[in-house]
Every structure is written in C-alpha cells, then in structure tokens.
N, C-alpha and C. Protein backbone atom coordinates (compact mmCIF):
# COMPACT_ATOMS: atom_id res chain seq x y z
N GLY A 1 64.51 17.59 36.01
CA GLY A 1 65.01 17.82 34.68
C GLY A 1 64.21 17.08 33.65
N GLY A 2 64.52 17.33 32.41
CA GLY A 2 63.80 16.72 31.32
C GLY A 2 64.03 15.23 31.20
N ASN A 3 65.07 14.71 31.82
CA ASN A 3 65.37 13.29 31.69
C ASN A 3 64.79 12.46 32.83
N SER A 4 64.15 13.09 33.80
CA SER A 4 63.66 12.33 34.94
C SER A 4 62.61 11.31 34.53
N LEU A 5 61.84 11.60 33.49
CA LEU A 5 60.85 10.65 33.02
C LEU A 5 61.53 9.40 32.47
N ALA A 6 62.66 9.57 31.81
CA ALA A 6 63.38 8.42 31.25
C ALA A 6 63.86 7.49 32.36
N LEU A 7 64.18 8.05 33.50
CA LEU A 7 64.66 7.24 34.61
C LEU A 7 63.53 6.55 35.35
N THR A 8 62.33 7.17 35.37
CA THR A 8 61.24 6.62 36.16
C THR A 8 60.18 5.92 35.34
N GLY A 9 60.26 5.97 34.04
CA GLY A 9 59.25 5.30 33.23
C GLY A 9 59.92 4.41 32.21
N GLY A 10 59.12 3.75 31.42
CA GLY A 10 59.70 2.95 30.34
C GLY A 10 59.40 1.49 30.51
N GLY A 11 60.08 0.68 29.73
CA GLY A 11 59.79 -0.74 29.64
C GLY A 11 60.19 -1.57 30.84
N TYR A 12 60.81 -0.98 31.84
CA TYR A 12 61.25 -1.75 33.00
C TYR A 12 60.37 -1.51 34.22
N GLY A 13 59.23 -0.83 34.04
CA GLY A 13 58.36 -0.52 35.16
C GLY A 13 58.83 0.74 35.85
N ASN A 14 58.05 1.23 36.76
CA ASN A 14 58.39 2.47 37.46
C ASN A 14 59.25 2.18 38.67
N ILE A 15 60.16 3.11 38.95
CA ILE A 15 60.93 3.02 40.18
C ILE A 15 60.31 3.98 41.18
N THR A 16 60.53 3.73 42.43
CA THR A 16 59.92 4.55 43.47
C THR A 16 60.66 5.88 43.59
N PRO A 17 60.02 6.89 44.19
CA PRO A 17 60.72 8.16 44.40
C PRO A 17 62.00 7.98 45.22
N ALA A 18 62.00 7.07 46.19
CA ALA A 18 63.20 6.83 47.00
C ALA A 18 64.32 6.28 46.12
N GLU A 19 63.98 5.37 45.21
CA GLU A 19 64.99 4.82 44.32
C GLU A 19 65.52 5.91 43.37
N ALA A 20 64.62 6.75 42.88
CA ALA A 20 65.04 7.84 42.00
C ALA A 20 65.96 8.80 42.75
N ALA A 21 65.69 9.01 44.04
CA ALA A 21 66.52 9.91 44.84
C ALA A 21 67.95 9.38 44.99
N GLU A 22 68.12 8.04 44.86
CA GLU A 22 69.46 7.45 44.94
C GLU A 22 70.35 7.95 43.81
N ALA A 23 69.74 8.38 42.73
CA ALA A 23 70.50 8.82 41.56
C ALA A 23 70.02 10.20 41.12
N ALA A 24 69.93 11.10 42.09
CA ALA A 24 69.41 12.44 41.80
C ALA A 24 70.24 13.14 40.73
N GLU A 25 71.55 12.99 40.79
CA GLU A 25 72.41 13.63 39.80
C GLU A 25 72.13 13.06 38.40
N ALA A 26 71.98 11.74 38.31
CA ALA A 26 71.71 11.11 37.02
C ALA A 26 70.35 11.53 36.48
N ALA A 27 69.37 11.72 37.39
CA ALA A 27 68.04 12.12 36.95
C ALA A 27 68.05 13.50 36.32
N GLU A 28 69.00 14.33 36.71
CA GLU A 28 69.10 15.69 36.17
C GLU A 28 70.06 15.77 34.98
N ALA A 29 70.77 14.69 34.70
CA ALA A 29 71.78 14.71 33.64
C ALA A 29 71.14 14.78 32.26
N ALA A 30 71.88 15.30 31.34
CA ALA A 30 71.43 15.36 29.95
C ALA A 30 71.34 13.95 29.38
N PRO A 31 70.45 13.73 28.44
CA PRO A 31 70.34 12.39 27.84
C PRO A 31 71.67 11.86 27.29
N SER A 32 72.49 12.74 26.74
CA SER A 32 73.78 12.27 26.21
C SER A 32 74.69 11.78 27.33
N GLU A 33 74.61 12.41 28.50
CA GLU A 33 75.40 11.98 29.65
C GLU A 33 74.90 10.63 30.16
N ILE A 34 73.59 10.45 30.23
CA ILE A 34 73.02 9.16 30.64
C ILE A 34 73.46 8.07 29.66
N ALA A 35 73.40 8.37 28.39
CA ALA A 35 73.81 7.40 27.37
C ALA A 35 75.28 7.02 27.55
N ARG A 36 76.13 7.99 27.85
CA ARG A 36 77.54 7.71 28.07
C ARG A 36 77.73 6.81 29.29
N ARG A 37 76.99 7.11 30.37
CA ARG A 37 77.11 6.30 31.59
C ARG A 37 76.62 4.87 31.34
N ILE A 38 75.55 4.73 30.59
CA ILE A 38 75.03 3.40 30.27
C ILE A 38 76.04 2.64 29.42
N LYS A 39 76.63 3.32 28.44
CA LYS A 39 77.63 2.67 27.58
C LYS A 39 78.83 2.23 28.42
N ASP A 40 79.30 3.10 29.32
CA ASP A 40 80.42 2.74 30.20
C ASP A 40 80.05 1.54 31.08
N LEU A 41 78.84 1.58 31.63
CA LEU A 41 78.37 0.50 32.50
C LEU A 41 78.29 -0.81 31.73
N SER A 42 77.77 -0.76 30.50
CA SER A 42 77.66 -1.99 29.72
C SER A 42 79.05 -2.55 29.39
N GLY A 43 80.03 -1.68 29.19
CA GLY A 43 81.39 -2.15 28.94
C GLY A 43 82.00 -2.81 30.16
N LEU A 44 81.77 -2.24 31.31
CA LEU A 44 82.32 -2.78 32.55
C LEU A 44 81.63 -4.08 32.95
N LEU A 45 80.31 -4.14 32.75
CA LEU A 45 79.53 -5.32 33.15
C LEU A 45 79.41 -6.35 32.03
N LEU A 46 80.11 -6.11 30.92
CA LEU A 46 80.14 -7.06 29.80
C LEU A 46 78.73 -7.45 29.36
N CYS A 47 77.93 -6.44 29.06
CA CYS A 47 76.55 -6.70 28.67
C CYS A 47 76.12 -5.68 27.62
N THR A 48 74.93 -5.85 27.12
CA THR A 48 74.39 -4.90 26.15
C THR A 48 73.93 -3.65 26.88
N PRO A 49 73.81 -2.54 26.16
CA PRO A 49 73.26 -1.33 26.79
C PRO A 49 71.86 -1.57 27.39
N GLY A 50 71.06 -2.38 26.74
CA GLY A 50 69.73 -2.70 27.28
C GLY A 50 69.81 -3.40 28.62
N GLU A 51 70.76 -4.33 28.75
CA GLU A 51 70.95 -5.01 30.03
C GLU A 51 71.47 -4.04 31.08
N ALA A 52 72.33 -3.11 30.66
CA ALA A 52 72.85 -2.11 31.60
C ALA A 52 71.72 -1.21 32.09
N ILE A 53 70.78 -0.88 31.21
CA ILE A 53 69.61 -0.08 31.63
C ILE A 53 68.80 -0.85 32.67
N ALA A 54 68.63 -2.15 32.45
CA ALA A 54 67.89 -2.97 33.42
C ALA A 54 68.60 -2.98 34.78
N VAL A 55 69.92 -3.06 34.78
CA VAL A 55 70.70 -3.02 36.03
C VAL A 55 70.49 -1.67 36.71
N ALA A 56 70.57 -0.60 35.93
CA ALA A 56 70.39 0.75 36.49
C ALA A 56 68.97 0.92 37.02
N HIS A 57 68.04 0.25 36.41
CA HIS A 57 66.66 0.32 36.92
C HIS A 57 66.56 -0.35 38.28
N ARG A 58 67.25 -1.48 38.45
CA ARG A 58 67.22 -2.18 39.75
C ARG A 58 67.96 -1.42 40.83
N PHE A 59 69.00 -0.67 40.44
CA PHE A 59 69.80 0.09 41.40
C PHE A 59 70.27 1.37 40.72
N PRO A 60 69.41 2.40 40.72
CA PRO A 60 69.73 3.64 39.99
C PRO A 60 71.07 4.27 40.37
N ALA A 61 71.49 4.13 41.61
CA ALA A 61 72.74 4.76 42.05
C ALA A 61 73.96 4.19 41.33
N ILE A 62 73.80 3.07 40.64
CA ILE A 62 74.94 2.51 39.90
C ILE A 62 75.40 3.49 38.81
N LEU A 63 74.48 4.35 38.35
CA LEU A 63 74.85 5.34 37.34
C LEU A 63 75.81 6.39 37.89
N GLU A 64 75.86 6.52 39.21
CA GLU A 64 76.74 7.50 39.85
C GLU A 64 77.89 6.84 40.60
N THR A 65 77.92 5.50 40.59
CA THR A 65 78.98 4.77 41.27
C THR A 65 80.26 4.86 40.44
N PRO A 66 81.35 5.29 41.06
CA PRO A 66 82.61 5.37 40.30
C PRO A 66 83.00 4.01 39.72
N ARG A 67 83.54 4.06 38.52
CA ARG A 67 83.99 2.83 37.85
C ARG A 67 84.99 2.07 38.73
N SER A 68 85.80 2.81 39.49
CA SER A 68 86.79 2.15 40.35
C SER A 68 86.11 1.29 41.41
N VAL A 69 84.97 1.75 41.93
CA VAL A 69 84.23 0.98 42.93
C VAL A 69 83.64 -0.27 42.29
N LEU A 70 83.04 -0.10 41.11
CA LEU A 70 82.47 -1.26 40.40
C LEU A 70 83.56 -2.29 40.09
N ALA A 71 84.69 -1.82 39.59
CA ALA A 71 85.79 -2.72 39.25
C ALA A 71 86.33 -3.43 40.50
N ALA A 72 86.44 -2.70 41.59
CA ALA A 72 86.94 -3.30 42.84
C ALA A 72 85.98 -4.37 43.35
N ARG A 73 84.68 -4.11 43.27
CA ARG A 73 83.70 -5.09 43.76
C ARG A 73 83.72 -6.33 42.87
N MET A 74 83.86 -6.12 41.56
CA MET A 74 83.94 -7.27 40.65
C MET A 74 85.22 -8.07 40.91
N ALA A 75 86.32 -7.39 41.19
CA ALA A 75 87.58 -8.08 41.51
C ALA A 75 87.43 -8.88 42.80
N SER A 76 86.73 -8.32 43.79
CA SER A 76 86.50 -9.05 45.05
C SER A 76 85.65 -10.29 44.81
N LEU A 77 84.63 -10.15 43.96
CA LEU A 77 83.80 -11.31 43.61
C LEU A 77 84.62 -12.37 42.91
N LYS A 78 85.48 -11.95 41.99
CA LYS A 78 86.29 -12.89 41.23
C LYS A 78 87.28 -13.61 42.15
N GLU A 79 87.79 -12.90 43.14
CA GLU A 79 88.68 -13.52 44.11
C GLU A 79 87.93 -14.55 44.95
N LEU A 80 86.71 -14.22 45.32
CA LEU A 80 85.89 -15.12 46.14
C LEU A 80 85.41 -16.33 45.33
N LEU A 81 85.03 -16.08 44.09
CA LEU A 81 84.45 -17.12 43.23
C LEU A 81 85.21 -17.11 41.89
N PRO A 82 86.43 -17.65 41.86
CA PRO A 82 87.28 -17.51 40.67
C PRO A 82 86.72 -18.13 39.39
N ASN A 83 85.84 -19.11 39.50
CA ASN A 83 85.30 -19.75 38.30
C ASN A 83 83.89 -19.28 37.96
N ALA A 84 83.43 -18.24 38.64
CA ALA A 84 82.11 -17.68 38.35
C ALA A 84 82.27 -16.42 37.51
N ASP A 85 81.23 -16.03 36.83
CA ASP A 85 81.22 -14.80 36.05
C ASP A 85 80.78 -13.67 36.98
N ALA A 86 81.75 -12.89 37.44
CA ALA A 86 81.46 -11.81 38.39
C ALA A 86 80.50 -10.79 37.80
N ALA A 87 80.58 -10.55 36.51
CA ALA A 87 79.68 -9.58 35.87
C ALA A 87 78.23 -10.06 35.93
N VAL A 88 78.01 -11.36 35.75
CA VAL A 88 76.65 -11.91 35.84
C VAL A 88 76.10 -11.70 37.25
N ILE A 89 76.92 -11.95 38.24
CA ILE A 89 76.49 -11.81 39.64
C ILE A 89 76.19 -10.34 39.95
N LEU A 90 77.05 -9.44 39.51
CA LEU A 90 76.83 -8.01 39.77
C LEU A 90 75.59 -7.51 39.04
N ARG A 91 75.37 -7.97 37.81
CA ARG A 91 74.17 -7.55 37.08
C ARG A 91 72.90 -8.04 37.77
N ALA A 92 72.97 -9.22 38.38
CA ALA A 92 71.79 -9.77 39.04
C ALA A 92 71.49 -9.11 40.38
N GLU A 93 72.53 -8.72 41.11
CA GLU A 93 72.35 -8.20 42.46
C GLU A 93 73.13 -6.90 42.69
N PRO A 94 72.89 -5.87 41.89
CA PRO A 94 73.69 -4.65 42.05
C PRO A 94 73.49 -3.97 43.41
N ARG A 95 72.27 -3.92 43.89
CA ARG A 95 72.00 -3.25 45.17
C ARG A 95 72.69 -3.99 46.31
N ALA A 96 72.57 -5.30 46.33
CA ALA A 96 73.15 -6.10 47.42
C ALA A 96 74.68 -6.00 47.43
N LEU A 97 75.29 -5.82 46.25
CA LEU A 97 76.74 -5.76 46.17
C LEU A 97 77.32 -4.36 46.31
N LEU A 98 76.50 -3.33 46.12
CA LEU A 98 77.04 -1.97 46.09
C LEU A 98 76.50 -1.04 47.17
N ALA A 99 75.32 -1.32 47.70
CA ALA A 99 74.72 -0.41 48.68
C ALA A 99 75.19 -0.77 50.08
N GLY A 100 76.25 -0.12 50.52
CA GLY A 100 76.76 -0.38 51.86
C GLY A 100 78.28 -0.48 51.85
N ASP A 101 78.79 -0.86 52.99
CA ASP A 101 80.23 -0.99 53.16
C ASP A 101 80.74 -2.21 52.40
N GLY A 102 81.66 -1.99 51.48
CA GLY A 102 82.17 -3.07 50.63
C GLY A 102 82.80 -4.20 51.41
N ALA A 103 83.57 -3.87 52.44
CA ALA A 103 84.23 -4.91 53.23
C ALA A 103 83.20 -5.79 53.94
N GLU A 104 82.15 -5.16 54.47
CA GLU A 104 81.10 -5.91 55.17
C GLU A 104 80.30 -6.77 54.18
N ILE A 105 79.99 -6.21 53.03
CA ILE A 105 79.25 -6.96 52.01
C ILE A 105 80.04 -8.20 51.61
N MET A 106 81.32 -8.04 51.37
CA MET A 106 82.13 -9.17 50.93
C MET A 106 82.38 -10.17 52.06
N ARG A 107 82.44 -9.70 53.32
CA ARG A 107 82.56 -10.63 54.45
C ARG A 107 81.33 -11.53 54.52
N ASP A 108 80.14 -10.93 54.36
CA ASP A 108 78.91 -11.72 54.39
C ASP A 108 78.87 -12.71 53.22
N ALA A 109 79.31 -12.25 52.05
CA ALA A 109 79.33 -13.12 50.88
C ALA A 109 80.29 -14.29 51.11
N ARG A 110 81.44 -14.01 51.70
CA ARG A 110 82.42 -15.07 51.99
C ARG A 110 81.83 -16.10 52.96
N ARG A 111 81.08 -15.64 53.95
CA ARG A 111 80.43 -16.58 54.89
C ARG A 111 79.48 -17.51 54.15
N SER A 112 78.73 -16.96 53.20
CA SER A 112 77.79 -17.79 52.44
C SER A 112 78.53 -18.81 51.58
N VAL A 113 79.58 -18.38 50.92
CA VAL A 113 80.35 -19.29 50.08
C VAL A 113 81.00 -20.37 50.94
N ASP A 114 81.53 -19.99 52.10
CA ASP A 114 82.13 -20.97 53.01
C ASP A 114 81.09 -21.99 53.46
N ALA A 115 79.86 -21.54 53.73
CA ALA A 115 78.79 -22.46 54.15
C ALA A 115 78.45 -23.44 53.02
N ILE A 116 78.39 -22.94 51.80
CA ILE A 116 78.10 -23.83 50.66
C ILE A 116 79.20 -24.88 50.53
N LYS A 117 80.45 -24.44 50.61
CA LYS A 117 81.57 -25.38 50.47
C LYS A 117 81.60 -26.39 51.61
N ARG A 118 81.26 -25.95 52.81
CA ARG A 118 81.27 -26.84 53.98
C ARG A 118 80.12 -27.84 53.91
N GLU A 119 78.93 -27.37 53.57
CA GLU A 119 77.73 -28.22 53.59
C GLU A 119 77.56 -29.07 52.34
N LEU A 120 78.13 -28.63 51.23
CA LEU A 120 77.97 -29.35 49.97
C LEU A 120 79.34 -29.68 49.37
N PRO A 121 80.06 -30.59 50.02
CA PRO A 121 81.41 -30.91 49.54
C PRO A 121 81.38 -31.43 48.11
N GLY A 122 82.31 -30.94 47.32
CA GLY A 122 82.40 -31.38 45.94
C GLY A 122 81.54 -30.58 44.97
N VAL A 123 80.68 -29.73 45.50
CA VAL A 123 79.83 -28.90 44.65
C VAL A 123 80.56 -27.59 44.35
N SER A 124 80.45 -27.13 43.14
CA SER A 124 81.08 -25.87 42.76
C SER A 124 80.25 -24.70 43.28
N ALA A 125 80.75 -24.07 44.33
CA ALA A 125 80.06 -22.88 44.86
C ALA A 125 80.00 -21.80 43.79
N ASP A 126 81.02 -21.74 42.95
CA ASP A 126 81.07 -20.75 41.87
C ASP A 126 79.86 -20.89 40.95
N LYS A 127 79.62 -22.10 40.47
CA LYS A 127 78.49 -22.34 39.56
C LYS A 127 77.16 -22.10 40.26
N LEU A 128 77.07 -22.56 41.50
CA LEU A 128 75.83 -22.44 42.25
C LEU A 128 75.46 -20.96 42.46
N VAL A 129 76.42 -20.16 42.86
CA VAL A 129 76.16 -18.74 43.10
C VAL A 129 75.91 -18.00 41.79
N GLU A 130 76.59 -18.39 40.74
CA GLU A 130 76.35 -17.75 39.45
C GLU A 130 74.91 -18.02 38.99
N MET A 131 74.40 -19.22 39.27
CA MET A 131 73.02 -19.56 38.91
C MET A 131 72.01 -18.83 39.79
N GLU A 132 72.35 -18.64 41.06
CA GLU A 132 71.44 -18.02 42.02
C GLU A 132 72.23 -17.05 42.90
N PRO A 133 72.58 -15.87 42.36
CA PRO A 133 73.42 -14.91 43.09
C PRO A 133 72.84 -14.47 44.43
N ARG A 134 71.54 -14.52 44.58
CA ARG A 134 70.91 -14.09 45.83
C ARG A 134 71.43 -14.91 47.02
N MET A 135 71.92 -16.11 46.75
CA MET A 135 72.43 -16.97 47.83
C MET A 135 73.56 -16.31 48.61
N LEU A 136 74.26 -15.38 47.99
CA LEU A 136 75.34 -14.68 48.70
C LEU A 136 74.82 -13.80 49.82
N PHE A 137 73.55 -13.42 49.74
CA PHE A 137 73.03 -12.39 50.64
C PHE A 137 71.86 -12.86 51.50
N GLU A 138 71.49 -14.11 51.40
CA GLU A 138 70.41 -14.66 52.20
C GLU A 138 70.95 -15.78 53.09
N ASP A 139 70.28 -16.01 54.19
CA ASP A 139 70.65 -17.12 55.05
C ASP A 139 70.06 -18.38 54.42
N ILE A 140 70.91 -19.22 53.87
CA ILE A 140 70.44 -20.44 53.21
C ILE A 140 70.76 -21.67 54.05
N GLY A 141 71.10 -21.45 55.31
CA GLY A 141 71.48 -22.55 56.19
C GLY A 141 70.42 -23.63 56.30
N GLU A 142 69.16 -23.23 56.40
CA GLU A 142 68.06 -24.20 56.53
C GLU A 142 67.98 -25.08 55.27
N GLY A 143 68.08 -24.45 54.11
CA GLY A 143 68.03 -25.22 52.87
C GLY A 143 69.22 -26.15 52.70
N LEU A 144 70.41 -25.67 53.08
CA LEU A 144 71.60 -26.51 52.99
C LEU A 144 71.50 -27.71 53.93
N ALA A 145 71.03 -27.47 55.15
CA ALA A 145 70.90 -28.56 56.13
C ALA A 145 69.86 -29.58 55.65
N ALA A 146 68.75 -29.11 55.12
CA ALA A 146 67.71 -30.02 54.63
C ALA A 146 68.23 -30.84 53.46
N LEU A 147 68.99 -30.23 52.60
CA LEU A 147 69.56 -30.95 51.45
C LEU A 147 70.53 -32.02 51.91
N ARG A 148 71.32 -31.72 52.92
CA ARG A 148 72.27 -32.70 53.47
C ARG A 148 71.55 -33.91 54.05
N GLU A 149 70.36 -33.69 54.59
CA GLU A 149 69.57 -34.81 55.12
C GLU A 149 69.05 -35.70 54.01
N LEU A 150 68.77 -35.10 52.86
CA LEU A 150 68.20 -35.85 51.74
C LEU A 150 69.24 -36.62 50.93
N TRP A 151 70.43 -36.05 50.79
CA TRP A 151 71.45 -36.66 49.94
C TRP A 151 72.70 -36.99 50.72
N PRO A 152 73.28 -38.15 50.46
CA PRO A 152 74.57 -38.46 51.09
C PRO A 152 75.67 -37.62 50.44
N GLU A 153 76.76 -37.47 51.16
CA GLU A 153 77.87 -36.63 50.68
C GLU A 153 78.38 -37.07 49.31
N ASP A 154 78.46 -38.36 49.07
CA ASP A 154 78.96 -38.85 47.78
C ASP A 154 78.08 -38.41 46.62
N ALA A 155 76.80 -38.23 46.86
CA ALA A 155 75.89 -37.80 45.79
C ALA A 155 76.28 -36.42 45.26
N PHE A 156 76.74 -35.55 46.15
CA PHE A 156 77.16 -34.22 45.72
C PHE A 156 78.42 -34.31 44.86
N ARG A 157 79.31 -35.20 45.23
CA ARG A 157 80.58 -35.31 44.51
C ARG A 157 80.41 -35.86 43.09
N THR A 158 79.47 -36.77 42.90
CA THR A 158 79.32 -37.40 41.59
C THR A 158 78.28 -36.71 40.71
N SER A 159 77.31 -36.05 41.29
CA SER A 159 76.21 -35.49 40.51
C SER A 159 76.65 -34.41 39.53
N GLU A 160 77.57 -33.55 39.95
CA GLU A 160 77.99 -32.46 39.08
C GLU A 160 78.69 -32.98 37.82
N ALA A 161 79.47 -34.02 37.95
CA ALA A 161 80.17 -34.59 36.80
C ALA A 161 79.19 -35.28 35.84
N GLU A 162 78.12 -35.83 36.38
CA GLU A 162 77.18 -36.59 35.56
C GLU A 162 76.08 -35.72 34.95
N ASN A 163 75.81 -34.56 35.52
CA ASN A 163 74.68 -33.75 35.09
C ASN A 163 75.11 -32.31 34.87
N PRO A 164 75.12 -31.84 33.63
CA PRO A 164 75.57 -30.47 33.35
C PRO A 164 74.63 -29.40 33.92
N PHE A 165 73.42 -29.78 34.29
CA PHE A 165 72.46 -28.82 34.86
C PHE A 165 72.37 -28.92 36.37
N PHE A 166 73.34 -29.61 36.96
CA PHE A 166 73.30 -29.87 38.40
C PHE A 166 73.23 -28.59 39.23
N ALA A 167 74.03 -27.58 38.90
CA ALA A 167 74.04 -26.33 39.68
C ALA A 167 72.67 -25.66 39.65
N GLU A 168 72.03 -25.63 38.49
CA GLU A 168 70.70 -25.03 38.38
C GLU A 168 69.70 -25.80 39.24
N GLU A 169 69.72 -27.12 39.14
CA GLU A 169 68.79 -27.94 39.90
C GLU A 169 69.05 -27.82 41.40
N LEU A 170 70.30 -27.78 41.76
CA LEU A 170 70.66 -27.66 43.17
C LEU A 170 70.23 -26.30 43.73
N ALA A 171 70.42 -25.24 42.96
CA ALA A 171 69.99 -23.90 43.40
C ALA A 171 68.49 -23.88 43.64
N LEU A 172 67.73 -24.49 42.74
CA LEU A 172 66.28 -24.54 42.90
C LEU A 172 65.90 -25.35 44.14
N ALA A 173 66.58 -26.47 44.35
CA ALA A 173 66.30 -27.31 45.53
C ALA A 173 66.59 -26.55 46.82
N ILE A 174 67.69 -25.82 46.87
CA ILE A 174 68.04 -25.07 48.08
C ILE A 174 66.99 -23.99 48.34
N LYS A 175 66.56 -23.29 47.30
CA LYS A 175 65.51 -22.27 47.47
C LYS A 175 64.23 -22.90 48.00
N ALA A 176 63.84 -24.02 47.43
CA ALA A 176 62.60 -24.68 47.86
C ALA A 176 62.71 -25.18 49.30
N LEU A 177 63.84 -25.80 49.62
CA LEU A 177 64.02 -26.32 50.98
C LEU A 177 64.21 -25.21 52.01
N ASN A 178 64.61 -24.06 51.55
CA ASN A 178 64.80 -22.91 52.43
C ASN A 178 63.49 -22.14 52.59
N GLY A 179 62.45 -22.58 51.90
CA GLY A 179 61.17 -21.88 51.97
C GLY A 179 61.14 -20.62 51.14
N LYS A 180 62.07 -20.49 50.18
CA LYS A 180 62.16 -19.27 49.39
C LYS A 180 61.83 -19.51 47.93
N GLY A 181 61.42 -20.72 47.59
CA GLY A 181 61.11 -21.02 46.19
C GLY A 181 59.91 -20.22 45.72
N SER A 182 60.00 -19.66 44.54
CA SER A 182 58.89 -18.85 44.03
C SER A 182 58.04 -19.65 43.04
N GLU A 183 58.46 -20.85 42.75
CA GLU A 183 57.72 -21.65 41.79
C GLU A 183 56.47 -22.22 42.46
N THR A 184 55.41 -22.30 41.72
CA THR A 184 54.18 -22.87 42.25
C THR A 184 53.91 -24.19 41.54
N PRO A 185 53.45 -25.19 42.29
CA PRO A 185 53.21 -26.49 41.66
C PRO A 185 52.03 -26.42 40.70
N ARG A 186 52.10 -27.22 39.66
CA ARG A 186 50.98 -27.31 38.71
C ARG A 186 49.91 -28.20 39.29
N ARG A 187 48.69 -27.89 38.93
CA ARG A 187 47.56 -28.71 39.42
C ARG A 187 47.00 -29.52 38.29
C-alpha cells in the first residue's frame, strides 16, 4: 500500500522486511488509520506521538496489538514493580514484553526481579529495572554475583538513601560486571 514507505523509512532508520511483516495490516492501513493507532498508543503509553512512533518502529506489531493486551501487560508490570513506571518499561522493551506468551514473559520477569531483590537487599528493584528495563529479560546473575563480591550488604542498604543516582549507577555496574556494558573507556 501507499503507506508502507512510512512504516519502513523515516527518521528512525529502516526496519527489516520480517519486522514489517509483523504489522502487515498496519502497513496497508490508510495514513489516517495509522495516525489514530499512534494517537491511541501514545495515550496508553503516556508519551508523545513521536515516542509512540519510535516504539512502533522497535516493534511494529504493537500497532495491531489490542489495547486490552497492552493494558493487561502494563498492569502485570505494575503489579510486579509497583513503584516503577510501567509505561517507561514497555516503551523501552515492547518486543520483549509483547512477543510471546504473556504468562511466560511475566514469569521470567518475576524471576529477574526476585534475583535482584535476593542479591541486592535494600535496593529498589523498581528503580533499577526502570533505569535498565532489559534486566527483566537477560540473565544478570553473573553481574549480581560480582557486585555482591565487591560491596558488603550494608552498602546496598545505605547507598540508595545517600545517592539519588544510585539506581542508574548500579544498573551500569551490573551491565559492566555482566559483560554487557556498551560503554567504551576513554583513552
């Protein structure tokens, strides 16, 4: 259709043919229908239409995902992480949260949150996951274990109260210790 170029080109880079096939109906939809879906998505995800377009670019099938499914997944996230912004997490990881069996996805997410709470007592798993949502879907056991070797348990309990950026710094440390850090050292 005439709108397929809008889905595969633009300021967010190109999506692959396989990704475009995930939203075949949306690719054939009229521009006014796409605009309506983006507006609905931005309302549900509490973001601007531009941010909703970026989410749809990362996971095109979200344009065809029923609102009830999106709302249910956000409710499950909120139940798991009551002090986190579920919309932020869903915007960051739409494919990981929506592509597959919802019960299985949330079981895996719960295991990750339980590991964070067990290995990092006193640390807000909610803040940590909101800063680095990918942690819900990756095995971070190695990073958590390495961090426990470096810091005594009391350090986790007091650091968050003393440092408002603790969750961000901790997320970066876990990624680095897990061998997943993307930052490169300066020379």
